[in-house]
PDB file of N, CA and C in Angstrom:
ATOM      1  N   MET A   1       0.772  -1.138  -0.101  1.00  0.00           N
ATOM      2  CA  MET A   1       0.055  -0.030  -0.038  1.00  0.00           C
ATOM      3  C   MET A   1       0.921   1.249   0.064  1.00  0.00           C
ATOM      4  N   ALA A   2       1.860   1.253   0.761  1.00  0.00           N
ATOM      5  CA  ALA A   2       2.803   2.587   0.824  1.00  0.00           C
ATOM      6  C   ALA A   2       3.483   2.738  -0.590  1.00  0.00           C
ATOM      7  N   ARG A   3       3.733   1.703  -1.230  1.00  0.00           N
ATOM      8  CA  ARG A   3       4.285   1.827  -2.541  1.00  0.00           C
ATOM      9  C   ARG A   3       3.339   2.566  -3.547  1.00  0.00           C
ATOM     10  N   GLU A   4       1.996   2.046  -3.452  1.00  0.00           N
ATOM     11  CA  GLU A   4       1.122   2.605  -4.245  1.00  0.00           C
ATOM     12  C   GLU A   4       0.890   4.094  -3.933  1.00  0.00           C
ATOM     13  N   LEU A   5       0.957   4.432  -2.636  1.00  0.00           N
ATOM     14  CA  LEU A   5       0.708   5.916  -2.359  1.00  0.00           C
ATOM     15  C   LEU A   5       1.894   6.698  -2.720  1.00  0.00           C
ATOM     16  N   LEU A   6       3.162   6.235  -2.716  1.00  0.00           N
ATOM     17  CA  LEU A   6       4.169   6.946  -3.124  1.00  0.00           C
ATOM     18  C   LEU A   6       4.383   7.101  -4.618  1.00  0.00           C
ATOM     19  N   ASP A   7       4.013   6.078  -5.427  1.00  0.00           N
ATOM     20  CA  ASP A   7       4.051   6.081  -6.835  1.00  0.00           C
ATOM     21  C   ASP A   7       2.877   6.595  -7.618  1.00  0.00           C
ATOM     22  N   ARG A   8       1.838   6.748  -6.799  1.00  0.00           N
ATOM     23  CA  ARG A   8       0.507   7.137  -7.417  1.00  0.00           C
ATOM     24  C   ARG A   8       0.677   8.622  -8.180  1.00  0.00           C
ATOM     25  N   ASP A   9       0.342   8.660  -9.291  1.00  0.00           N
ATOM     26  CA  ASP A   9       0.288   9.947 -10.196  1.00  0.00           C
ATOM     27  C   ASP A   9      -1.042  10.603  -9.948  1.00  0.00           C
ATOM     28  N   THR A  10      -0.943  11.757  -9.196  1.00  0.00           N
ATOM     29  CA  THR A  10      -2.196  12.577  -9.107  1.00  0.00           C
ATOM     30  C   THR A  10      -2.283  13.688 -10.017  1.00  0.00           C
ATOM     31  N   ALA A  11      -1.446  13.692 -11.025  1.00  0.00           N
ATOM     32  CA  ALA A  11      -1.518  14.837 -11.946  1.00  0.00           C
ATOM     33  C   ALA A  11      -2.845  14.734 -12.915  1.00  0.00           C
ATOM     34  N   ALA A  12      -3.359  13.474 -13.039  1.00  0.00           N
ATOM     35  CA  ALA A  12      -4.571  13.179 -13.870  1.00  0.00           C
ATOM     36  C   ALA A  12      -5.775  13.709 -13.282  1.00  0.00           C
ATOM     37  N   THR A  13      -5.768  14.065 -11.918  1.00  0.00           N
ATOM     38  CA  THR A  13      -7.075  14.560 -11.351  1.00  0.00           C
ATOM     39  C   THR A  13      -6.729  15.982 -10.747  1.00  0.00           C
ATOM     40  N   ASP A  14      -7.634  16.780 -10.621  1.00  0.00           N
ATOM     41  CA  ASP A  14      -7.495  18.039 -10.099  1.00  0.00           C
ATOM     42  C   ASP A  14      -7.427  18.089  -8.480  1.00  0.00           C
ATOM     43  N   GLU A  15      -7.960  17.037  -8.028  1.00  0.00           N
ATOM     44  CA  GLU A  15      -8.035  16.799  -6.598  1.00  0.00           C
ATOM     45  C   GLU A  15      -6.897  16.050  -6.029  1.00  0.00           C
ATOM     46  N   PRO A  16      -6.125  16.648  -5.081  1.00  0.00           N
ATOM     47  CA  PRO A  16      -4.949  15.828  -4.502  1.00  0.00           C
ATOM     48  C   PRO A  16      -5.384  14.793  -3.638  1.00  0.00           C
ATOM     49  N   ASP A  17      -4.572  13.624  -3.674  1.00  0.00           N
ATOM     50  CA  ASP A  17      -4.883  12.568  -2.836  1.00  0.00           C
ATOM     51  C   ASP A  17      -4.541  12.889  -1.345  1.00  0.00           C
ATOM     52  N   PRO A  18      -5.602  12.881  -0.462  1.00  0.00           N
ATOM     53  CA  PRO A  18      -5.367  13.115   0.857  1.00  0.00           C
ATOM     54  C   PRO A  18      -4.421  12.240   1.543  1.00  0.00           C
ATOM     55  N   ARG A  19      -4.274  11.023   1.041  1.00  0.00           N
ATOM     56  CA  ARG A  19      -3.389   9.939   1.779  1.00  0.00           C
ATOM     57  C   ARG A  19      -1.879  10.270   1.399  1.00  0.00           C
ATOM     58  N   ARG A  20      -1.671  10.896   0.262  1.00  0.00           N
ATOM     59  CA  ARG A  20      -0.291  11.155  -0.200  1.00  0.00           C
ATOM     60  C   ARG A  20       0.370  11.998   0.710  1.00  0.00           C
ATOM     61  N   LEU A  21       1.647  11.667   1.079  1.00  0.00           N
ATOM     62  CA  LEU A  21       2.494  12.344   2.035  1.00  0.00           C
ATOM     63  C   LEU A  21       3.043  13.711   1.388  1.00  0.00           C
ATOM     64  N   SER A  22       2.828  14.879   2.076  1.00  0.00           N
ATOM     65  CA  SER A  22       3.356  16.083   1.578  1.00  0.00           C
ATOM     66  C   SER A  22       4.854  16.136   1.694  1.00  0.00           C
ATOM     67  N   ARG A  23       5.402  17.143   1.030  1.00  0.00           N
ATOM     68  CA  ARG A  23       6.879  17.364   1.179  1.00  0.00           C
ATOM     69  C   ARG A  23       7.248  17.777   2.392  1.00  0.00           C
ATOM     70  N   ARG A  24       6.355  18.616   3.146  1.00  0.00           N
ATOM     71  CA  ARG A  24       6.593  19.116   4.417  1.00  0.00           C
ATOM     72  C   ARG A  24       6.672  17.910   5.443  1.00  0.00           C
ATOM     73  N   ALA A  25       5.556  17.056   5.382  1.00  0.00           N
ATOM     74  CA  ALA A  25       5.510  15.906   6.322  1.00  0.00           C
ATOM     75  C   ALA A  25       6.686  15.040   5.970  1.00  0.00           C
ATOM     76  N   ALA A  26       7.246  14.870   4.785  1.00  0.00           N
ATOM     77  CA  ALA A  26       8.295  14.074   4.450  1.00  0.00           C
ATOM     78  C   ALA A  26       9.497  14.568   5.229  1.00  0.00           C
ATOM     79  N   TRP A  27       9.768  15.932   5.058  1.00  0.00           N
ATOM     80  CA  TRP A  27      10.883  16.482   5.775  1.00  0.00           C
ATOM     81  C   TRP A  27      10.761  16.318   7.331  1.00  0.00           C
ATOM     82  N   VAL A  28       9.586  16.354   7.900  1.00  0.00           N
ATOM     83  CA  VAL A  28       9.382  16.276   9.312  1.00  0.00           C
ATOM     84  C   VAL A  28       9.796  14.785   9.674  1.00  0.00           C
ATOM     85  N   LEU A  29       9.484  13.650   8.885  1.00  0.00           N
ATOM     86  CA  LEU A  29       9.806  12.441   9.157  1.00  0.00           C
ATOM     87  C   LEU A  29      11.412  12.175   9.100  1.00  0.00           C
ATOM     88  N   VAL A  30      11.975  12.799   7.997  1.00  0.00           N
ATOM     89  CA  VAL A  30      13.458  12.744   8.000  1.00  0.00           C
ATOM     90  C   VAL A  30      14.230  13.426   9.175  1.00  0.00           C
ATOM     91  N   ALA A  31      13.502  14.565   9.572  1.00  0.00           N
ATOM     92  CA  ALA A  31      14.080  15.283  10.727  1.00  0.00           C
ATOM     93  C   ALA A  31      13.793  14.403  12.031  1.00  0.00           C
ATOM     94  N   LEU A  32      12.599  13.717  12.270  1.00  0.00           N
ATOM     95  CA  LEU A  32      12.493  12.813  13.305  1.00  0.00           C
ATOM     96  C   LEU A  32      13.403  11.667  13.331  1.00  0.00           C
ATOM     97  N   CYS A  33      13.829  11.130  12.211  1.00  0.00           N
ATOM     98  CA  CYS A  33      14.806  10.111  12.104  1.00  0.00           C
ATOM     99  C   CYS A  33      16.145  10.623  12.760  1.00  0.00           C
ATOM    100  N   ALA A  34      16.631  11.712  12.078  1.00  0.00           N
ATOM    101  CA  ALA A  34      17.995  12.409  12.587  1.00  0.00           C
ATOM    102  C   ALA A  34      17.818  12.691  14.115  1.00  0.00           C
ATOM    103  N   TRP A  35      16.781  13.209  14.562  1.00  0.00           N
ATOM    104  CA  TRP A  35      16.792  13.581  15.980  1.00  0.00           C
ATOM    105  C   TRP A  35      16.798  12.389  16.902  1.00  0.00           C
ATOM    106  N   THR A  36      15.924  11.299  16.527  1.00  0.00           N
ATOM    107  CA  THR A  36      15.998  10.146  17.249  1.00  0.00           C
ATOM    108  C   THR A  36      17.312   9.423  17.298  1.00  0.00           C
ATOM    109  N   LEU A  37      18.033   9.337  16.183  1.00  0.00           N
ATOM    110  CA  LEU A  37      19.365   8.776  16.097  1.00  0.00           C
ATOM    111  C   LEU A  37      20.358   9.557  17.041  1.00  0.00           C
ATOM    112  N   TYR A  38      20.349  10.905  16.933  1.00  0.00           N
ATOM    113  CA  TYR A  38      21.118  11.615  17.720  1.00  0.00           C
ATOM    114  C   TYR A  38      20.880  11.490  19.250  1.00  0.00           C
ATOM    115  N   VAL A  39      19.682  11.552  19.699  1.00  0.00           N
ATOM    116  CA  VAL A  39      19.275  11.460  21.066  1.00  0.00           C
ATOM    117  C   VAL A  39      19.711  10.164  21.638  1.00  0.00           C
ATOM    118  N   TRP A  40      19.341   8.991  20.961  1.00  0.00           N
ATOM    119  CA  TRP A  40      19.554   7.684  21.602  1.00  0.00           C
ATOM    120  C   TRP A  40      21.085   7.229  21.309  1.00  0.00           C
ATOM    121  N   ILE A  41      21.539   7.649  20.424  1.00  0.00           N
ATOM    122  CA  ILE A  41      23.132   7.324  20.286  1.00  0.00           C
ATOM    123  C   ILE A  41      23.835   8.058  21.379  1.00  0.00           C
ATOM    124  N   THR A  42      23.619   9.261  21.507  1.00  0.00           N
ATOM    125  CA  THR A  42      24.141  10.094  22.589  1.00  0.00           C
ATOM    126  C   THR A  42      23.937   9.499  23.935  1.00  0.00           C
ATOM    127  N   ARG A  43      22.705   9.194  24.185  1.00  0.00           N
ATOM    128  CA  ARG A  43      22.387   8.678  25.509  1.00  0.00           C
ATOM    129  C   ARG A  43      23.090   7.205  25.794  1.00  0.00           C
ATOM    130  N   ILE A  44      23.199   6.494  24.726  1.00  0.00           N
ATOM    131  CA  ILE A  44      23.865   5.120  25.088  1.00  0.00           C
ATOM    132  C   ILE A  44      25.435   5.392  25.173  1.00  0.00           C
ATOM    133  N   TRP A  45      25.825   6.302  24.435  1.00  0.00           N
ATOM    134  CA  TRP A  45      27.305   6.665  24.625  1.00  0.00           C
ATOM    135  C   TRP A  45      27.639   7.274  26.076  1.00  0.00           C
ATOM    136  N   ILE A  46      26.679   8.050  26.543  1.00  0.00           N
ATOM    137  CA  ILE A  46      26.937   8.472  27.822  1.00  0.00           C
ATOM    138  C   ILE A  46      26.738   7.445  28.910  1.00  0.00           C
ATOM    139  N   MET A  47      25.673   6.497  28.700  1.00  0.00           N
ATOM    140  CA  MET A  47      25.552   5.337  29.710  1.00  0.00           C
ATOM    141  C   MET A  47      26.629   4.444  29.563  1.00  0.00           C
ATOM    142  N   ALA A  48      27.408   4.417  28.677  1.00  0.00           N
ATOM    143  CA  ALA A  48      28.596   3.402  28.596  1.00  0.00           C
ATOM    144  C   ALA A  48      29.665   3.791  29.525  1.00  0.00           C
ATOM    145  N   GLY A  49      29.664   5.219  29.781  1.00  0.00           N
ATOM    146  CA  GLY A  49      30.817   5.717  30.682  1.00  0.00           C
ATOM    147  C   GLY A  49      30.344   5.752  32.140  1.00  0.00           C
ATOM    148  N   GLN A  50      29.141   5.361  32.347  1.00  0.00           N
ATOM    149  CA  GLN A  50      28.571   5.454  33.761  1.00  0.00           C
ATOM    150  C   GLN A  50      28.450   3.863  34.305  1.00  0.00           C
ATOM    151  N   HIS A  51      28.373   3.932  35.674  1.00  0.00           N
ATOM    152  CA  HIS A  51      28.029   2.524  36.327  1.00  0.00           C
ATOM    153  C   HIS A  51      26.705   2.616  36.792  1.00  0.00           C
ATOM    154  N   ASN A  52      25.802   1.960  35.856  1.00  0.00           N
ATOM    155  CA  ASN A  52      24.463   1.859  36.220  1.00  0.00           C
ATOM    156  C   ASN A  52      24.100   0.373  36.518  1.00  0.00           C
ATOM    157  N   SER A  53      23.045   0.259  37.179  1.00  0.00           N
ATOM    158  CA  SER A  53      22.539  -1.235  37.390  1.00  0.00           C
ATOM    159  C   SER A  53      22.231  -1.691  36.012  1.00  0.00           C
ATOM    160  N   ALA A  54      22.289  -3.258  36.135  1.00  0.00           N
ATOM    161  CA  ALA A  54      21.966  -3.876  34.818  1.00  0.00           C
ATOM    162  C   ALA A  54      20.549  -3.738  34.464  1.00  0.00           C
ATOM    163  N   GLY A  55      19.578  -3.613  35.282  1.00  0.00           N
ATOM    164  CA  GLY A  55      18.185  -3.418  34.868  1.00  0.00           C
ATOM    165  C   GLY A  55      18.008  -2.095  34.134  1.00  0.00           C
ATOM    166  N   PHE A  56      18.673  -1.106  34.674  1.00  0.00           N
ATOM    167  CA  PHE A  56      18.711   0.328  33.978  1.00  0.00           C
ATOM    168  C   PHE A  56      19.243   0.125  32.597  1.00  0.00           C
ATOM    169  N   VAL A  57      20.381  -0.409  32.535  1.00  0.00           N
ATOM    170  CA  VAL A  57      20.979  -0.497  31.191  1.00  0.00           C
ATOM    171  C   VAL A  57      20.038  -1.347  30.180  1.00  0.00           C
ATOM    172  N   VAL A  58      19.606  -2.432  30.660  1.00  0.00           N
ATOM    173  CA  VAL A  58      18.712  -3.351  29.749  1.00  0.00           C
ATOM    174  C   VAL A  58      17.435  -2.516  29.351  1.00  0.00           C
ATOM    175  N   VAL A  59      16.858  -1.928  30.329  1.00  0.00           N
ATOM    176  CA  VAL A  59      15.671  -1.014  29.899  1.00  0.00           C
ATOM    177  C   VAL A  59      15.961   0.001  28.844  1.00  0.00           C
ATOM    178  N   HIS A  60      16.971   0.776  29.213  1.00  0.00           N
ATOM    179  CA  HIS A  60      17.194   1.901  28.241  1.00  0.00           C
ATOM    180  C   HIS A  60      17.754   1.523  26.917  1.00  0.00           C
ATOM    181  N   VAL A  61      18.620   0.365  26.989  1.00  0.00           N
ATOM    182  CA  VAL A  61      18.961  -0.214  25.545  1.00  0.00           C
ATOM    183  C   VAL A  61      17.814  -0.654  24.785  1.00  0.00           C
ATOM    184  N   THR A  62      16.919  -1.398  25.509  1.00  0.00           N
ATOM    185  CA  THR A  62      15.696  -1.807  24.780  1.00  0.00           C
ATOM    186  C   THR A  62      14.867  -0.697  24.330  1.00  0.00           C
ATOM    187  N   LEU A  63      14.597   0.383  25.061  1.00  0.00           N
ATOM    188  CA  LEU A  63      13.998   1.446  24.583  1.00  0.00           C
ATOM    189  C   LEU A  63      14.739   2.139  23.413  1.00  0.00           C
ATOM    190  N   ALA A  64      16.083   2.218  23.441  1.00  0.00           N
ATOM    191  CA  ALA A  64      16.726   2.820  22.359  1.00  0.00           C
ATOM    192  C   ALA A  64      16.569   2.066  21.044  1.00  0.00           C
ATOM    193  N   ILE A  65      16.674   0.646  21.150  1.00  0.00           N
ATOM    194  CA  ILE A  65      16.575  -0.071  19.986  1.00  0.00           C
ATOM    195  C   ILE A  65      15.245   0.079  19.357  1.00  0.00           C
ATOM    196  N   ILE A  66      14.125   0.039  20.140  1.00  0.00           N
ATOM    197  CA  ILE A  66      12.692   0.295  19.515  1.00  0.00           C
ATOM    198  C   ILE A  66      12.547   1.624  19.016  1.00  0.00           C
ATOM    199  N   SER A  67      13.064   2.544  19.716  1.00  0.00           N
ATOM    200  CA  SER A  67      12.917   4.084  19.288  1.00  0.00           C
ATOM    201  C   SER A  67      13.645   4.230  18.065  1.00  0.00           C
ATOM    202  N   ILE A  68      14.914   3.762  17.892  1.00  0.00           N
ATOM    203  CA  ILE A  68      15.691   3.925  16.684  1.00  0.00           C
ATOM    204  C   ILE A  68      15.011   3.195  15.579  1.00  0.00           C
ATOM    205  N   ALA A  69      14.451   1.967  15.812  1.00  0.00           N
ATOM    206  CA  ALA A  69      13.695   1.286  14.799  1.00  0.00           C
ATOM    207  C   ALA A  69      12.568   2.088  14.214  1.00  0.00           C
ATOM    208  N   PHE A  70      11.781   2.770  15.007  1.00  0.00           N
ATOM    209  CA  PHE A  70      10.577   3.495  14.637  1.00  0.00           C
ATOM    210  C   PHE A  70      11.139   4.797  14.005  1.00  0.00           C
ATOM    211  N   GLY A  71      12.267   5.392  14.441  1.00  0.00           N
ATOM    212  CA  GLY A  71      12.793   6.575  13.798  1.00  0.00           C
ATOM    213  C   GLY A  71      13.276   6.230  12.437  1.00  0.00           C
ATOM    214  N   LEU A  72      13.907   5.127  12.209  1.00  0.00           N
ATOM    215  CA  LEU A  72      14.498   4.673  10.943  1.00  0.00           C
ATOM    216  C   LEU A  72      13.330   4.364   9.793  1.00  0.00           C
ATOM    217  N   VAL A  73      12.261   3.851  10.278  1.00  0.00           N
ATOM    218  CA  VAL A  73      11.190   3.549   9.467  1.00  0.00           C
ATOM    219  C   VAL A  73      10.479   4.789   9.034  1.00  0.00           C
ATOM    220  N   ALA A  74      10.362   5.860  10.012  1.00  0.00           N
ATOM    221  CA  ALA A  74       9.748   7.117   9.661  1.00  0.00           C
ATOM    222  C   ALA A  74      10.688   7.849   8.593  1.00  0.00           C
ATOM    223  N   GLY A  75      12.060   7.623   8.863  1.00  0.00           N
ATOM    224  CA  GLY A  75      12.916   8.452   7.956  1.00  0.00           C
ATOM    225  C   GLY A  75      12.910   7.764   6.681  1.00  0.00           C
ATOM    226  N   TYR A  76      12.784   6.466   6.618  1.00  0.00           N
ATOM    227  CA  TYR A  76      12.716   5.733   5.276  1.00  0.00           C
ATOM    228  C   TYR A  76      11.547   6.240   4.509  1.00  0.00           C
ATOM    229  N   PHE A  77      10.288   6.303   5.056  1.00  0.00           N
ATOM    230  CA  PHE A  77       9.169   6.790   4.325  1.00  0.00           C
ATOM    231  C   PHE A  77       9.280   8.265   3.844  1.00  0.00           C
ATOM    232  N   GLY A  78       9.857   9.124   4.785  1.00  0.00           N
ATOM    233  CA  GLY A  78       9.996  10.389   4.335  1.00  0.00           C
ATOM    234  C   GLY A  78      10.984  10.516   3.181  1.00  0.00           C
ATOM    235  N   TRP A  79      12.206   9.760   3.369  1.00  0.00           N
ATOM    236  CA  TRP A  79      13.224   9.875   2.319  1.00  0.00           C
ATOM    237  C   TRP A  79      12.651   9.325   0.929  1.00  0.00           C
ATOM    238  N   ARG A  80      11.972   8.190   1.091  1.00  0.00           N
ATOM    239  CA  ARG A  80      11.301   7.719  -0.248  1.00  0.00           C
ATOM    240  C   ARG A  80      10.426   8.813  -0.835  1.00  0.00           C
ATOM    241  N   ARG A  81       9.609   9.435  -0.183  1.00  0.00           N
ATOM    242  CA  ARG A  81       8.724  10.571  -0.627  1.00  0.00           C
ATOM    243  C   ARG A  81       9.583  11.520  -1.341  1.00  0.00           C
ATOM    244  N   LEU A  82      10.600  12.011  -0.677  1.00  0.00           N
ATOM    245  CA  LEU A  82      11.433  13.049  -1.227  1.00  0.00           C
ATOM    246  C   LEU A  82      12.222  12.609  -2.532  1.00  0.00           C
ATOM    247  N   ARG A  83      12.519  11.336  -2.641  1.00  0.00           N
ATOM    248  CA  ARG A  83      13.118  10.832  -3.798  1.00  0.00           C
ATOM    249  C   ARG A  83      12.275  10.732  -4.967  1.00  0.00           C
ATOM    250  N   VAL A  84      10.885  10.553  -4.663  1.00  0.00           N
ATOM    251  CA  VAL A  84       9.890  10.431  -5.724  1.00  0.00           C
ATOM    252  C   VAL A  84       9.781  11.781  -6.344  1.00  0.00           C
ATOM    253  N   ASP A  85       9.921  12.899  -5.497  1.00  0.00           N
ATOM    254  CA  ASP A  85       9.765  14.209  -6.054  1.00  0.00           C
ATOM    255  C   ASP A  85      10.838  14.661  -6.904  1.00  0.00           C
ATOM    256  N   ARG A  86      12.129  14.067  -6.731  1.00  0.00           N
ATOM    257  CA  ARG A  86      13.265  14.355  -7.359  1.00  0.00           C
ATOM    258  C   ARG A  86      13.230  13.615  -8.857  1.00  0.00           C
ATOM    259  N   GLY A  87      12.203  12.769  -8.991  1.00  0.00           N
ATOM    260  CA  GLY A  87      12.174  11.993 -10.208  1.00  0.00           C
ATOM    261  C   GLY A  87      12.979  10.619 -10.204  1.00  0.00           C
ATOM    262  N   GLU A  88      13.541  10.419  -8.964  1.00  0.00           N
ATOM    263  CA  GLU A  88      14.280   9.060  -8.983  1.00  0.00           C
ATOM    264  C   GLU A  88      13.235   8.030  -8.567  1.00  0.00           C
ATOM    265  N   ARG A  89      13.457   6.851  -9.017  1.00  0.00           N
ATOM    266  CA  ARG A  89      12.578   5.672  -8.766  1.00  0.00           C
ATOM    267  C   ARG A  89      13.089   4.960  -7.526  1.00  0.00           C
ATOM    268  N   PRO A  90      12.334   4.885  -6.393  1.00  0.00           N
ATOM    269  CA  PRO A  90      12.809   4.161  -5.219  1.00  0.00           C
ATOM    270  C   PRO A  90      13.092   2.736  -5.467  1.00  0.00           C
ATOM    271  N   ARG A  91      14.040   2.210  -4.822  1.00  0.00           N
ATOM    272  CA  ARG A  91      14.426   0.694  -5.006  1.00  0.00           C
ATOM    273  C   ARG A  91      13.287  -0.142  -4.616  1.00  0.00           C
ATOM    274  N   GLY A  92      13.128  -1.169  -5.301  1.00  0.00           N
ATOM    275  CA  GLY A  92      12.101  -2.204  -5.040  1.00  0.00           C
ATOM    276  C   GLY A  92      10.655  -1.659  -5.661  1.00  0.00           C
ATOM    277  N   ALA A  93      10.619  -0.620  -6.256  1.00  0.00           N
ATOM    278  CA  ALA A  93       9.382  -0.098  -6.884  1.00  0.00           C
ATOM    279  C   ALA A  93       9.183  -0.514  -8.253  1.00  0.00           C
TER     280      ALA A  93
END
């Protein structure tokens, strides 16, 4: 479904597709990805130099992995949308 939304040509109709991701939203997703990576990589780096309990480390590393995964997925969709605007064909499409 995501591929259809990214590749769909709305030039044939006068009405824009409300499900299609705007350029502004795509940039927000890319910024979200960058911010998430920055915050969690910095946090893990700081935690590596501290002496925290094992439970604290496990919980925060788990949160970091999940958050980074969501951030990367958001950035992927934003980046794909921006590539479609530049006329590049996304891989796998």
